Amino acid sequence: MDRFMDVGHVAETLPDLSEALNDPRLRQFGLVGGVVLVAVGAFLSLAPASGQWLFWSYAVAATLVFLGVPLLCLGLAAPDPEPGSLFHLGIELTTTQRRAVALGSLCITVTPIVLAVGTPLGLPSLVLAIAAATSILGSVLVLTGFVAWTSAAIAEPSRH
């Protein structure tokens, strides 16, 4: 059991973030999973609910969307598969751009967790400010990754 408490051993066994972000299977998983979560969240928010189920319906719908959008962004940022593939979109981000999108997606994913954990503590203004700042930071990072790729594609269209 003490090997699991050794920081060095645990750090050596963790997967490399660059390898995970460079895996082309992330494209299929991210696009399909993201679209499904966003669609289910959207349909759940449209379903008629009243009374005690109204809050839970909207809370679950918002959580699904907050999880689906970052997953969709990770799918878009993943390496492009072969040109004949169904998931070939022509989007090829650099490693730095992929890391920015991944960090932004993590920030967006943390937002509903901050709200769920912080609201019962009785600091609603502080919790909302932290959640909003985290969500905005995540959105900016995701957009930075894609805007950087877009500007590079516009500047050198022969490469893309």
N, C-alpha and C. Protein backbone atom coordinates (compact mmCIF):
# COMPACT_ATOMS: atom_id res chain seq x y z
N MET A 1 0.82 -1.19 0.00
CA MET A 1 0.00 0.00 0.00
C MET A 1 0.86 1.25 0.00
N ASP A 2 2.08 1.17 0.54
CA ASP A 2 2.91 2.36 0.64
C ASP A 2 3.39 2.83 -0.74
N ARG A 3 3.40 1.96 -1.78
CA ARG A 3 3.79 2.40 -3.12
C ARG A 3 2.80 3.40 -3.67
N PHE A 4 1.53 3.27 -3.28
CA PHE A 4 0.53 4.20 -3.75
C PHE A 4 0.62 5.55 -3.06
N MET A 5 1.32 5.61 -1.96
CA MET A 5 1.51 6.87 -1.25
C MET A 5 2.80 7.56 -1.67
N ASP A 6 3.64 6.86 -2.42
CA ASP A 6 4.90 7.42 -2.89
C ASP A 6 4.62 8.31 -4.10
N VAL A 7 4.90 9.60 -3.98
CA VAL A 7 4.59 10.56 -5.04
C VAL A 7 5.37 10.23 -6.31
N GLY A 8 6.62 9.87 -6.18
CA GLY A 8 7.44 9.55 -7.35
C GLY A 8 6.90 8.38 -8.13
N HIS A 9 6.50 7.33 -7.44
CA HIS A 9 5.95 6.14 -8.11
C HIS A 9 4.64 6.47 -8.81
N VAL A 10 3.77 7.22 -8.14
CA VAL A 10 2.49 7.57 -8.74
C VAL A 10 2.71 8.46 -9.95
N ALA A 11 3.64 9.41 -9.87
CA ALA A 11 3.91 10.30 -11.00
C ALA A 11 4.45 9.52 -12.20
N GLU A 12 5.22 8.48 -11.97
CA GLU A 12 5.75 7.68 -13.07
C GLU A 12 4.67 6.85 -13.75
N THR A 13 3.64 6.48 -13.02
CA THR A 13 2.60 5.62 -13.59
C THR A 13 1.47 6.40 -14.24
N LEU A 14 1.42 7.72 -14.05
CA LEU A 14 0.37 8.52 -14.67
C LEU A 14 0.58 8.58 -16.17
N PRO A 15 -0.49 8.59 -16.95
CA PRO A 15 -0.32 8.70 -18.40
C PRO A 15 0.14 10.11 -18.77
N ASP A 16 0.87 10.20 -19.86
CA ASP A 16 1.36 11.47 -20.36
C ASP A 16 0.21 12.22 -21.02
N LEU A 17 0.02 13.48 -20.65
CA LEU A 17 -1.07 14.27 -21.20
C LEU A 17 -0.90 14.44 -22.70
N SER A 18 0.33 14.61 -23.17
CA SER A 18 0.56 14.80 -24.61
C SER A 18 0.14 13.56 -25.39
N GLU A 19 0.42 12.37 -24.86
CA GLU A 19 0.02 11.14 -25.53
C GLU A 19 -1.50 11.03 -25.59
N ALA A 20 -2.16 11.38 -24.51
CA ALA A 20 -3.62 11.30 -24.49
C ALA A 20 -4.24 12.29 -25.46
N LEU A 21 -3.69 13.51 -25.53
CA LEU A 21 -4.24 14.52 -26.43
C LEU A 21 -3.90 14.25 -27.89
N ASN A 22 -2.87 13.45 -28.15
CA ASN A 22 -2.48 13.13 -29.52
C ASN A 22 -3.13 11.85 -30.03
N ASP A 23 -3.98 11.23 -29.24
CA ASP A 23 -4.65 10.01 -29.64
C ASP A 23 -5.82 10.35 -30.57
N PRO A 24 -5.82 9.86 -31.82
CA PRO A 24 -6.90 10.20 -32.75
C PRO A 24 -8.26 9.63 -32.35
N ARG A 25 -8.28 8.63 -31.46
CA ARG A 25 -9.57 8.09 -31.02
C ARG A 25 -10.34 9.09 -30.17
N LEU A 26 -9.65 10.10 -29.66
CA LEU A 26 -10.31 11.15 -28.88
C LEU A 26 -11.30 11.93 -29.74
N ARG A 27 -11.04 12.02 -31.05
CA ARG A 27 -11.95 12.74 -31.94
C ARG A 27 -13.32 12.08 -31.94
N GLN A 28 -13.38 10.77 -32.18
CA GLN A 28 -14.67 10.08 -32.21
C GLN A 28 -15.38 10.13 -30.87
N PHE A 29 -14.63 9.85 -29.81
CA PHE A 29 -15.22 9.85 -28.47
C PHE A 29 -15.75 11.23 -28.10
N GLY A 30 -14.96 12.26 -28.37
CA GLY A 30 -15.36 13.61 -28.01
C GLY A 30 -16.55 14.12 -28.81
N LEU A 31 -16.52 13.89 -30.12
CA LEU A 31 -17.63 14.39 -30.94
C LEU A 31 -18.93 13.66 -30.65
N VAL A 32 -18.89 12.34 -30.60
CA VAL A 32 -20.12 11.58 -30.36
C VAL A 32 -20.61 11.81 -28.93
N GLY A 33 -19.70 11.68 -27.95
CA GLY A 33 -20.10 11.88 -26.56
C GLY A 33 -20.59 13.30 -26.28
N GLY A 34 -19.89 14.29 -26.83
CA GLY A 34 -20.29 15.68 -26.62
C GLY A 34 -21.64 16.00 -27.21
N VAL A 35 -21.86 15.55 -28.44
CA VAL A 35 -23.16 15.81 -29.09
C VAL A 35 -24.28 15.10 -28.35
N VAL A 36 -24.06 13.87 -27.91
CA VAL A 36 -25.10 13.14 -27.19
C VAL A 36 -25.44 13.83 -25.87
N LEU A 37 -24.41 14.22 -25.10
CA LEU A 37 -24.68 14.88 -23.81
C LEU A 37 -25.39 16.22 -23.99
N VAL A 38 -24.96 17.00 -24.98
CA VAL A 38 -25.62 18.30 -25.22
C VAL A 38 -27.06 18.08 -25.69
N ALA A 39 -27.28 17.11 -26.56
CA ALA A 39 -28.63 16.84 -27.04
C ALA A 39 -29.56 16.36 -25.92
N VAL A 40 -29.08 15.45 -25.09
CA VAL A 40 -29.90 14.98 -23.98
C VAL A 40 -30.18 16.12 -23.00
N GLY A 41 -29.17 16.94 -22.72
CA GLY A 41 -29.37 18.09 -21.85
C GLY A 41 -30.37 19.08 -22.42
N ALA A 42 -30.29 19.32 -23.73
CA ALA A 42 -31.23 20.24 -24.37
C ALA A 42 -32.66 19.70 -24.33
N PHE A 43 -32.82 18.41 -24.65
CA PHE A 43 -34.16 17.82 -24.62
C PHE A 43 -34.72 17.77 -23.20
N LEU A 44 -33.86 17.53 -22.22
CA LEU A 44 -34.31 17.49 -20.83
C LEU A 44 -34.76 18.88 -20.38
N SER A 45 -34.09 19.91 -20.85
CA SER A 45 -34.50 21.27 -20.46
C SER A 45 -35.80 21.68 -21.13
N LEU A 46 -36.12 21.04 -22.26
CA LEU A 46 -37.38 21.35 -22.95
C LEU A 46 -38.56 20.55 -22.41
N ALA A 47 -38.28 19.46 -21.70
CA ALA A 47 -39.35 18.60 -21.18
C ALA A 47 -40.16 19.36 -20.14
N PRO A 48 -41.47 19.20 -20.20
CA PRO A 48 -42.30 19.90 -19.21
C PRO A 48 -42.11 19.30 -17.81
N ALA A 49 -41.83 20.14 -16.87
CA ALA A 49 -41.66 19.70 -15.49
C ALA A 49 -42.28 20.77 -14.59
N SER A 50 -42.76 20.33 -13.45
CA SER A 50 -43.35 21.28 -12.51
C SER A 50 -43.07 20.82 -11.09
N GLY A 51 -43.28 21.71 -10.17
CA GLY A 51 -43.10 21.38 -8.76
C GLY A 51 -41.66 21.08 -8.41
N GLN A 52 -41.47 20.00 -7.65
CA GLN A 52 -40.13 19.65 -7.18
C GLN A 52 -39.24 19.15 -8.30
N TRP A 53 -39.81 18.66 -9.39
CA TRP A 53 -39.00 18.13 -10.50
C TRP A 53 -38.46 19.22 -11.38
N LEU A 54 -38.98 20.42 -11.30
CA LEU A 54 -38.53 21.53 -12.15
C LEU A 54 -37.06 21.84 -11.90
N PHE A 55 -36.67 21.99 -10.64
CA PHE A 55 -35.28 22.30 -10.31
C PHE A 55 -34.36 21.19 -10.78
N TRP A 56 -34.71 19.93 -10.48
CA TRP A 56 -33.83 18.82 -10.82
C TRP A 56 -33.71 18.63 -12.32
N SER A 57 -34.79 18.88 -13.04
CA SER A 57 -34.76 18.76 -14.49
C SER A 57 -33.76 19.76 -15.08
N TYR A 58 -33.84 21.01 -14.62
CA TYR A 58 -32.93 22.03 -15.13
C TYR A 58 -31.50 21.82 -14.63
N ALA A 59 -31.34 21.36 -13.41
CA ALA A 59 -29.99 21.12 -12.87
C ALA A 59 -29.29 20.01 -13.63
N VAL A 60 -29.98 18.92 -13.90
CA VAL A 60 -29.38 17.81 -14.65
C VAL A 60 -29.12 18.24 -16.09
N ALA A 61 -30.05 18.98 -16.70
CA ALA A 61 -29.86 19.44 -18.07
C ALA A 61 -28.63 20.35 -18.17
N ALA A 62 -28.49 21.27 -17.24
CA ALA A 62 -27.34 22.18 -17.27
C ALA A 62 -26.04 21.43 -17.05
N THR A 63 -26.04 20.46 -16.16
CA THR A 63 -24.83 19.67 -15.90
C THR A 63 -24.44 18.87 -17.14
N LEU A 64 -25.41 18.28 -17.81
CA LEU A 64 -25.11 17.53 -19.04
C LEU A 64 -24.52 18.43 -20.11
N VAL A 65 -25.06 19.62 -20.24
CA VAL A 65 -24.53 20.56 -21.24
C VAL A 65 -23.14 21.03 -20.83
N PHE A 66 -22.93 21.31 -19.55
CA PHE A 66 -21.61 21.74 -19.08
C PHE A 66 -20.57 20.63 -19.21
N LEU A 67 -20.98 19.39 -19.26
CA LEU A 67 -20.05 18.29 -19.50
C LEU A 67 -19.91 17.98 -20.99
N GLY A 68 -20.98 18.17 -21.75
CA GLY A 68 -20.96 17.86 -23.17
C GLY A 68 -20.17 18.84 -24.01
N VAL A 69 -20.27 20.13 -23.69
CA VAL A 69 -19.56 21.14 -24.48
C VAL A 69 -18.04 20.98 -24.38
N PRO A 70 -17.44 20.81 -23.19
CA PRO A 70 -15.99 20.59 -23.15
C PRO A 70 -15.58 19.29 -23.84
N LEU A 71 -16.39 18.25 -23.72
CA LEU A 71 -16.08 17.00 -24.39
C LEU A 71 -16.10 17.18 -25.91
N LEU A 72 -17.06 17.95 -26.40
CA LEU A 72 -17.14 18.26 -27.82
C LEU A 72 -15.92 19.06 -28.26
N CYS A 73 -15.49 20.01 -27.44
CA CYS A 73 -14.30 20.80 -27.76
C CYS A 73 -13.05 19.92 -27.81
N LEU A 74 -12.93 18.98 -26.87
CA LEU A 74 -11.80 18.06 -26.90
C LEU A 74 -11.83 17.20 -28.16
N GLY A 75 -13.02 16.81 -28.58
CA GLY A 75 -13.15 16.02 -29.80
C GLY A 75 -12.73 16.81 -31.03
N LEU A 76 -13.09 18.09 -31.07
CA LEU A 76 -12.69 18.93 -32.18
C LEU A 76 -11.18 19.18 -32.19
N ALA A 77 -10.59 19.24 -31.01
CA ALA A 77 -9.15 19.53 -30.90
C ALA A 77 -8.28 18.31 -31.13
N ALA A 78 -8.85 17.13 -31.09
CA ALA A 78 -8.08 15.89 -31.25
C ALA A 78 -7.49 15.82 -32.66
N PRO A 79 -6.44 15.00 -32.82
CA PRO A 79 -5.84 14.87 -34.15
C PRO A 79 -6.85 14.37 -35.18
N ASP A 80 -6.70 14.90 -36.39
CA ASP A 80 -7.60 14.53 -37.48
C ASP A 80 -7.27 13.12 -37.96
N PRO A 81 -8.27 12.24 -38.09
CA PRO A 81 -7.99 10.89 -38.61
C PRO A 81 -7.73 10.95 -40.12
N GLU A 82 -7.60 9.79 -40.72
CA GLU A 82 -7.33 9.70 -42.16
C GLU A 82 -8.40 10.44 -42.97
N PRO A 83 -8.02 10.97 -44.14
CA PRO A 83 -8.97 11.77 -44.94
C PRO A 83 -10.27 11.06 -45.31
N GLY A 84 -10.30 9.75 -45.41
CA GLY A 84 -11.53 9.05 -45.77
C GLY A 84 -12.46 8.79 -44.61
N SER A 85 -12.05 9.11 -43.41
CA SER A 85 -12.83 8.80 -42.21
C SER A 85 -14.04 9.72 -42.10
N LEU A 86 -15.07 9.21 -41.43
CA LEU A 86 -16.28 9.99 -41.18
C LEU A 86 -15.98 11.19 -40.28
N PHE A 87 -14.97 11.07 -39.42
CA PHE A 87 -14.65 12.11 -38.45
C PHE A 87 -13.54 13.04 -38.93
N HIS A 88 -13.17 12.98 -40.20
CA HIS A 88 -12.14 13.88 -40.75
C HIS A 88 -12.78 15.25 -40.99
N LEU A 89 -12.32 16.26 -40.25
CA LEU A 89 -12.88 17.60 -40.36
C LEU A 89 -11.89 18.62 -40.91
N GLY A 90 -10.62 18.26 -40.97
CA GLY A 90 -9.61 19.19 -41.45
C GLY A 90 -9.07 20.12 -40.38
N ILE A 91 -9.41 19.88 -39.13
CA ILE A 91 -8.93 20.70 -38.02
C ILE A 91 -7.72 20.00 -37.42
N GLU A 92 -6.56 20.64 -37.47
CA GLU A 92 -5.33 20.05 -36.95
C GLU A 92 -4.63 21.07 -36.05
N LEU A 93 -4.86 20.97 -34.76
CA LEU A 93 -4.26 21.88 -33.79
C LEU A 93 -2.87 21.42 -33.40
N THR A 94 -2.04 22.35 -32.98
CA THR A 94 -0.71 22.00 -32.47
C THR A 94 -0.87 21.46 -31.05
N THR A 95 0.22 20.95 -30.50
CA THR A 95 0.19 20.41 -29.14
C THR A 95 -0.16 21.50 -28.13
N THR A 96 0.41 22.69 -28.30
CA THR A 96 0.12 23.80 -27.38
C THR A 96 -1.35 24.20 -27.46
N GLN A 97 -1.88 24.25 -28.67
CA GLN A 97 -3.30 24.59 -28.83
C GLN A 97 -4.19 23.51 -28.23
N ARG A 98 -3.81 22.25 -28.38
CA ARG A 98 -4.59 21.16 -27.77
C ARG A 98 -4.56 21.26 -26.25
N ARG A 99 -3.41 21.61 -25.69
CA ARG A 99 -3.32 21.76 -24.24
C ARG A 99 -4.18 22.92 -23.75
N ALA A 100 -4.23 24.02 -24.50
CA ALA A 100 -5.08 25.15 -24.12
C ALA A 100 -6.54 24.73 -24.12
N VAL A 101 -6.95 23.98 -25.15
CA VAL A 101 -8.34 23.51 -25.23
C VAL A 101 -8.63 22.54 -24.09
N ALA A 102 -7.69 21.66 -23.79
CA ALA A 102 -7.90 20.68 -22.71
C ALA A 102 -8.01 21.38 -21.35
N LEU A 103 -7.15 22.37 -21.10
CA LEU A 103 -7.21 23.10 -19.83
C LEU A 103 -8.50 23.91 -19.74
N GLY A 104 -8.90 24.52 -20.84
CA GLY A 104 -10.16 25.25 -20.86
C GLY A 104 -11.35 24.34 -20.64
N SER A 105 -11.32 23.15 -21.24
CA SER A 105 -12.40 22.19 -21.04
C SER A 105 -12.47 21.74 -19.59
N LEU A 106 -11.31 21.57 -18.97
CA LEU A 106 -11.29 21.21 -17.55
C LEU A 106 -11.90 22.32 -16.70
N CYS A 107 -11.57 23.56 -17.00
CA CYS A 107 -12.15 24.69 -16.24
C CYS A 107 -13.66 24.74 -16.39
N ILE A 108 -14.14 24.51 -17.61
CA ILE A 108 -15.59 24.53 -17.83
C ILE A 108 -16.27 23.38 -17.09
N THR A 109 -15.62 22.22 -17.08
CA THR A 109 -16.17 21.05 -16.40
C THR A 109 -16.22 21.26 -14.89
N VAL A 110 -15.29 22.00 -14.34
CA VAL A 110 -15.23 22.24 -12.90
C VAL A 110 -16.35 23.18 -12.44
N THR A 111 -16.87 24.00 -13.33
CA THR A 111 -17.86 25.00 -12.96
C THR A 111 -19.09 24.42 -12.26
N PRO A 112 -19.78 23.39 -12.80
CA PRO A 112 -20.93 22.87 -12.05
C PRO A 112 -20.54 22.19 -10.74
N ILE A 113 -19.31 21.68 -10.69
CA ILE A 113 -18.85 21.07 -9.44
C ILE A 113 -18.68 22.14 -8.37
N VAL A 114 -18.14 23.29 -8.74
CA VAL A 114 -17.99 24.42 -7.80
C VAL A 114 -19.36 24.84 -7.30
N LEU A 115 -20.33 24.93 -8.19
CA LEU A 115 -21.68 25.32 -7.78
C LEU A 115 -22.31 24.28 -6.86
N ALA A 116 -22.14 23.01 -7.20
CA ALA A 116 -22.76 21.95 -6.40
C ALA A 116 -22.15 21.85 -5.01
N VAL A 117 -20.84 22.05 -4.91
CA VAL A 117 -20.17 21.94 -3.63
C VAL A 117 -20.29 23.23 -2.82
N GLY A 118 -20.18 24.36 -3.49
CA GLY A 118 -20.13 25.63 -2.78
C GLY A 118 -21.45 26.20 -2.34
N THR A 119 -22.52 25.94 -3.05
CA THR A 119 -23.81 26.53 -2.71
C THR A 119 -24.31 26.10 -1.33
N PRO A 120 -24.22 24.82 -0.94
CA PRO A 120 -24.69 24.45 0.40
C PRO A 120 -23.88 25.06 1.54
N LEU A 121 -22.69 25.59 1.24
CA LEU A 121 -21.86 26.19 2.29
C LEU A 121 -22.35 27.56 2.72
N GLY A 122 -23.28 28.14 1.98
CA GLY A 122 -23.87 29.40 2.40
C GLY A 122 -23.16 30.65 1.89
N LEU A 123 -22.35 30.53 0.87
CA LEU A 123 -21.67 31.68 0.28
C LEU A 123 -22.07 31.82 -1.19
N PRO A 124 -23.34 32.10 -1.46
CA PRO A 124 -23.79 32.06 -2.86
C PRO A 124 -23.11 33.10 -3.75
N SER A 125 -22.84 34.30 -3.26
CA SER A 125 -22.21 35.32 -4.10
C SER A 125 -20.78 34.93 -4.45
N LEU A 126 -20.03 34.46 -3.47
CA LEU A 126 -18.65 34.05 -3.71
C LEU A 126 -18.60 32.83 -4.62
N VAL A 127 -19.48 31.88 -4.41
CA VAL A 127 -19.51 30.67 -5.23
C VAL A 127 -19.86 31.03 -6.67
N LEU A 128 -20.84 31.89 -6.86
CA LEU A 128 -21.20 32.29 -8.22
C LEU A 128 -20.06 33.05 -8.90
N ALA A 129 -19.36 33.87 -8.17
CA ALA A 129 -18.22 34.61 -8.74
C ALA A 129 -17.10 33.66 -9.15
N ILE A 130 -16.80 32.69 -8.30
CA ILE A 130 -15.75 31.72 -8.63
C ILE A 130 -16.17 30.87 -9.83
N ALA A 131 -17.42 30.41 -9.84
CA ALA A 131 -17.91 29.60 -10.95
C ALA A 131 -17.91 30.39 -12.26
N ALA A 132 -18.33 31.64 -12.20
CA ALA A 132 -18.33 32.47 -13.41
C ALA A 132 -16.92 32.71 -13.91
N ALA A 133 -16.00 33.00 -12.99
CA ALA A 133 -14.60 33.23 -13.39
C ALA A 133 -13.99 31.97 -14.00
N THR A 134 -14.27 30.82 -13.41
CA THR A 134 -13.75 29.56 -13.93
C THR A 134 -14.33 29.27 -15.32
N SER A 135 -15.60 29.50 -15.48
CA SER A 135 -16.24 29.26 -16.77
C SER A 135 -15.71 30.21 -17.85
N ILE A 136 -15.54 31.46 -17.50
CA ILE A 136 -15.02 32.44 -18.46
C ILE A 136 -13.57 32.11 -18.83
N LEU A 137 -12.76 31.78 -17.84
CA LEU A 137 -11.38 31.40 -18.11
C LEU A 137 -11.32 30.18 -19.03
N GLY A 138 -12.14 29.19 -18.75
CA GLY A 138 -12.18 28.00 -19.60
C GLY A 138 -12.61 28.32 -21.02
N SER A 139 -13.62 29.16 -21.16
CA SER A 139 -14.08 29.54 -22.49
C SER A 139 -13.01 30.30 -23.27
N VAL A 140 -12.30 31.17 -22.58
CA VAL A 140 -11.23 31.93 -23.22
C VAL A 140 -10.11 30.99 -23.68
N LEU A 141 -9.76 30.02 -22.86
CA LEU A 141 -8.71 29.08 -23.24
C LEU A 141 -9.13 28.23 -24.44
N VAL A 142 -10.36 27.76 -24.44
CA VAL A 142 -10.84 26.96 -25.57
C VAL A 142 -10.84 27.80 -26.84
N LEU A 143 -11.37 29.00 -26.75
CA LEU A 143 -11.39 29.87 -27.92
C LEU A 143 -9.99 30.24 -28.38
N THR A 144 -9.08 30.43 -27.44
CA THR A 144 -7.70 30.76 -27.81
C THR A 144 -7.08 29.66 -28.66
N GLY A 145 -7.29 28.41 -28.28
CA GLY A 145 -6.76 27.30 -29.06
C GLY A 145 -7.31 27.27 -30.47
N PHE A 146 -8.61 27.45 -30.61
CA PHE A 146 -9.22 27.39 -31.94
C PHE A 146 -8.96 28.65 -32.76
N VAL A 147 -8.91 29.81 -32.12
CA VAL A 147 -8.61 31.05 -32.84
C VAL A 147 -7.17 31.04 -33.35
N ALA A 148 -6.25 30.49 -32.55
CA ALA A 148 -4.86 30.39 -32.98
C ALA A 148 -4.75 29.48 -34.20
N TRP A 149 -5.48 28.36 -34.22
CA TRP A 149 -5.45 27.48 -35.38
C TRP A 149 -6.08 28.17 -36.59
N THR A 150 -7.19 28.87 -36.39
CA THR A 150 -7.86 29.56 -37.49
C THR A 150 -6.97 30.63 -38.09
N SER A 151 -6.31 31.41 -37.24
CA SER A 151 -5.45 32.47 -37.76
C SER A 151 -4.26 31.88 -38.52
N ALA A 152 -3.72 30.75 -38.05
CA ALA A 152 -2.63 30.08 -38.77
C ALA A 152 -3.13 29.53 -40.11
N ALA A 153 -4.35 29.01 -40.13
CA ALA A 153 -4.91 28.48 -41.37
C ALA A 153 -5.18 29.60 -42.38
N ILE A 154 -5.57 30.76 -41.89
CA ILE A 154 -5.79 31.90 -42.79
C ILE A 154 -4.47 32.46 -43.29
N ALA A 155 -3.47 32.53 -42.42
CA ALA A 155 -2.18 33.08 -42.80
C ALA A 155 -1.44 32.18 -43.78
N GLU A 156 -1.53 30.86 -43.61
CA GLU A 156 -0.86 29.91 -44.49
C GLU A 156 -1.85 28.86 -44.98
N PRO A 157 -2.68 29.20 -45.94
CA PRO A 157 -3.71 28.23 -46.39
C PRO A 157 -3.13 26.99 -47.06
N SER A 158 -1.93 27.05 -47.55
CA SER A 158 -1.34 25.88 -48.20
C SER A 158 -1.03 24.77 -47.22
N ARG A 159 -0.78 25.11 -45.95
CA ARG A 159 -0.47 24.12 -44.92
C ARG A 159 -1.71 23.40 -44.42
N HIS A 160 -2.87 24.02 -44.53
CA HIS A 160 -4.07 23.46 -43.92
C HIS A 160 -5.05 23.01 -44.94
